[in-house]
Amino acid sequence: MKRTEKAVLMSPTVETQKTRTSNNDPSFRFYNNDHFATLAVCMGKKTHSWTDLMFIRSRHLTRHAKYPHNLAVMHRVPLPHSNFGPPWHSSLNVLLENEPR
């Protein structure tokens, strides 16, 4: 890439897994799909505005391929000012109004 070209912001990812594991249960590190209702992701590292957040109901997150009752580990997150639509929201109020629990 030439120095005069601006870098394109790529869609970031969020990791959803626990930091600890269990020797007895290989699925222990993965959150159950009903562990939390809403996931909030701070986008400040990409946008340089620490008030930029993205929200999604956990029921819309991808499930783990091997353990379908658990969430996958990595999820793509759209940038707040990109052309995105549901299930991602840049406003918690809009998510709560449009997607009851």
C-alpha atoms as a PDB file:
ATOM      1  CA  MET A   1       0.000   0.000   0.000  1.00  0.00           C
ATOM      2  CA  LYS A   2       1.281   3.452  -0.880  1.00  0.00           C
ATOM      3  CA  ARG A   3       1.882   5.901   1.919  1.00  0.00           C
ATOM      4  CA  THR A   4      -0.648   8.301   0.429  1.00  0.00           C
ATOM      5  CA  GLU A   5      -3.442   5.705   0.498  1.00  0.00           C
ATOM      6  CA  LYS A   6      -5.594   5.533   3.599  1.00  0.00           C
ATOM      7  CA  ALA A   7      -5.901   2.181   5.307  1.00  0.00           C
ATOM      8  CA  VAL A   8      -9.346   0.613   5.112  1.00  0.00           C
ATOM      9  CA  LEU A   9     -10.863  -0.166   8.496  1.00  0.00           C
ATOM     10  CA  MET A  10     -11.635  -3.867   8.611  1.00  0.00           C
ATOM     11  CA  SER A  11     -14.547  -5.252  10.548  1.00  0.00           C
ATOM     12  CA  PRO A  12     -13.268  -6.202  13.991  1.00  0.00           C
ATOM     13  CA  THR A  13     -14.090  -9.369  15.877  1.00  0.00           C
ATOM     14  CA  VAL A  14     -15.142  -9.980  19.452  1.00  0.00           C
ATOM     15  CA  GLU A  15     -14.132 -13.045  21.441  1.00  0.00           C
ATOM     16  CA  THR A  16     -16.710 -14.724  23.667  1.00  0.00           C
ATOM     17  CA  GLN A  17     -15.118 -17.381  25.831  1.00  0.00           C
ATOM     18  CA  LYS A  18     -14.094 -17.755  29.440  1.00  0.00           C
ATOM     19  CA  THR A  19     -10.450 -17.449  30.458  1.00  0.00           C
ATOM     20  CA  ARG A  20     -10.438 -20.629  32.530  1.00  0.00           C
ATOM     21  CA  THR A  21     -10.920 -24.188  31.341  1.00  0.00           C
ATOM     22  CA  SER A  22     -11.904 -27.479  32.922  1.00  0.00           C
ATOM     23  CA  ASN A  23     -10.219 -30.830  32.426  1.00  0.00           C
ATOM     24  CA  ASN A  24     -13.568 -32.593  32.850  1.00  0.00           C
ATOM     25  CA  ASP A  25     -15.655 -30.620  30.335  1.00  0.00           C
ATOM     26  CA  PRO A  26     -14.199 -29.624  26.944  1.00  0.00           C
ATOM     27  CA  SER A  27     -17.059 -27.144  26.384  1.00  0.00           C
ATOM     28  CA  PHE A  28     -16.534 -25.337  29.716  1.00  0.00           C
ATOM     29  CA  ARG A  29     -14.780 -22.282  28.189  1.00  0.00           C
ATOM     30  CA  PHE A  30     -17.683 -21.571  25.827  1.00  0.00           C
ATOM     31  CA  TYR A  31     -20.600 -19.498  27.070  1.00  0.00           C
ATOM     32  CA  ASN A  32     -24.047 -21.072  26.920  1.00  0.00           C
ATOM     33  CA  ASN A  33     -26.227 -19.324  24.362  1.00  0.00           C
ATOM     34  CA  ASP A  34     -28.453 -18.077  27.195  1.00  0.00           C
ATOM     35  CA  HIS A  35     -25.640 -16.956  29.541  1.00  0.00           C
ATOM     36  CA  PHE A  36     -26.360 -13.297  28.772  1.00  0.00           C
ATOM     37  CA  ALA A  37     -29.147 -11.530  26.859  1.00  0.00           C
ATOM     38  CA  THR A  38     -27.149  -8.771  25.149  1.00  0.00           C
ATOM     39  CA  LEU A  39     -23.530  -8.382  24.115  1.00  0.00           C
ATOM     40  CA  ALA A  40     -21.997  -4.896  24.062  1.00  0.00           C
ATOM     41  CA  VAL A  41     -18.742  -4.329  22.197  1.00  0.00           C
ATOM     42  CA  CYS A  42     -16.582  -1.239  22.671  1.00  0.00           C
ATOM     43  CA  MET A  43     -15.318  -0.131  19.257  1.00  0.00           C
ATOM     44  CA  GLY A  44     -12.851   2.484  20.502  1.00  0.00           C
ATOM     45  CA  LYS A  45      -9.726   0.622  19.406  1.00  0.00           C
ATOM     46  CA  LYS A  46     -10.919   0.753  15.784  1.00  0.00           C
ATOM     47  CA  THR A  47     -12.743   4.086  15.724  1.00  0.00           C
ATOM     48  CA  HIS A  48     -10.611   6.020  18.272  1.00  0.00           C
ATOM     49  CA  SER A  49     -13.829   7.066  19.977  1.00  0.00           C
ATOM     50  CA  TRP A  50     -14.306   5.166  23.219  1.00  0.00           C
ATOM     51  CA  THR A  51     -18.005   6.039  23.251  1.00  0.00           C
ATOM     52  CA  ASP A  52     -18.654   3.960  20.086  1.00  0.00           C
ATOM     53  CA  LEU A  53     -20.423   0.783  21.110  1.00  0.00           C
ATOM     54  CA  MET A  54     -22.218  -1.949  19.171  1.00  0.00           C
ATOM     55  CA  PHE A  55     -24.966  -4.128  20.658  1.00  0.00           C
ATOM     56  CA  ILE A  56     -26.511  -7.459  19.698  1.00  0.00           C
ATOM     57  CA  ARG A  57     -28.868  -9.919  21.354  1.00  0.00           C
ATOM     58  CA  SER A  58     -26.981 -13.121  22.144  1.00  0.00           C
ATOM     59  CA  ARG A  59     -29.646 -15.183  20.339  1.00  0.00           C
ATOM     60  CA  HIS A  60     -28.271 -13.748  17.065  1.00  0.00           C
ATOM     61  CA  LEU A  61     -24.671 -14.772  17.727  1.00  0.00           C
ATOM     62  CA  THR A  62     -23.237 -17.767  15.894  1.00  0.00           C
ATOM     63  CA  ARG A  63     -23.332 -21.064  17.761  1.00  0.00           C
ATOM     64  CA  HIS A  64     -20.298 -23.238  18.325  1.00  0.00           C
ATOM     65  CA  ALA A  65     -19.979 -25.888  15.590  1.00  0.00           C
ATOM     66  CA  LYS A  66     -19.225 -28.741  17.982  1.00  0.00           C
ATOM     67  CA  TYR A  67     -21.361 -27.601  20.942  1.00  0.00           C
ATOM     68  CA  PRO A  68     -24.608 -26.100  19.550  1.00  0.00           C
ATOM     69  CA  HIS A  69     -25.860 -24.971  22.973  1.00  0.00           C
ATOM     70  CA  ASN A  70     -22.778 -22.753  23.288  1.00  0.00           C
ATOM     71  CA  LEU A  71     -21.657 -19.607  21.506  1.00  0.00           C
ATOM     72  CA  ALA A  72     -18.892 -19.660  18.930  1.00  0.00           C
ATOM     73  CA  VAL A  73     -15.677 -18.034  20.103  1.00  0.00           C
ATOM     74  CA  MET A  74     -15.189 -15.294  17.484  1.00  0.00           C
ATOM     75  CA  HIS A  75     -17.851 -12.975  16.033  1.00  0.00           C
ATOM     76  CA  ARG A  76     -17.513 -10.268  13.376  1.00  0.00           C
ATOM     77  CA  VAL A  77     -18.712  -6.835  14.476  1.00  0.00           C
ATOM     78  CA  PRO A  78     -19.650  -4.081  12.005  1.00  0.00           C
ATOM     79  CA  LEU A  79     -18.144  -0.647  12.482  1.00  0.00           C
ATOM     80  CA  PRO A  80     -20.585   1.824  14.084  1.00  0.00           C
ATOM     81  CA  HIS A  81     -20.631   4.253  11.173  1.00  0.00           C
ATOM     82  CA  SER A  82     -20.757   1.643   8.413  1.00  0.00           C
ATOM     83  CA  ASN A  83     -23.823   0.568   6.496  1.00  0.00           C
ATOM     84  CA  PHE A  84     -25.097  -2.160   8.825  1.00  0.00           C
ATOM     85  CA  GLY A  85     -28.464  -3.308   9.998  1.00  0.00           C
ATOM     86  CA  PRO A  86     -30.052  -5.605  12.506  1.00  0.00           C
ATOM     87  CA  PRO A  87     -29.210  -7.693  14.387  1.00  0.00           C
ATOM     88  CA  TRP A  88     -26.406  -5.220  15.289  1.00  0.00           C
ATOM     89  CA  HIS A  89     -27.314  -1.823  16.758  1.00  0.00           C
ATOM     90  CA  SER A  90     -25.215   1.199  17.670  1.00  0.00           C
ATOM     91  CA  SER A  91     -27.812   2.283  20.240  1.00  0.00           C
ATOM     92  CA  LEU A  92     -28.807   0.178  23.225  1.00  0.00           C
ATOM     93  CA  ASN A  93     -32.149   2.000  23.396  1.00  0.00           C
ATOM     94  CA  VAL A  94     -32.957   1.092  19.776  1.00  0.00           C
ATOM     95  CA  LEU A  95     -32.036  -2.535  20.393  1.00  0.00           C
ATOM     96  CA  LEU A  96     -34.225  -2.692  23.510  1.00  0.00           C
ATOM     97  CA  GLU A  97     -37.154  -1.040  21.732  1.00  0.00           C
ATOM     98  CA  ASN A  98     -36.952  -3.233  18.621  1.00  0.00           C
ATOM     99  CA  GLU A  99     -35.926  -6.552  20.135  1.00  0.00           C
ATOM    100  CA  PRO A 100     -37.674  -7.430  23.373  1.00  0.00           C
ATOM    101  CA  ARG A 101     -35.916 -10.040  25.431  1.00  0.00           C
END
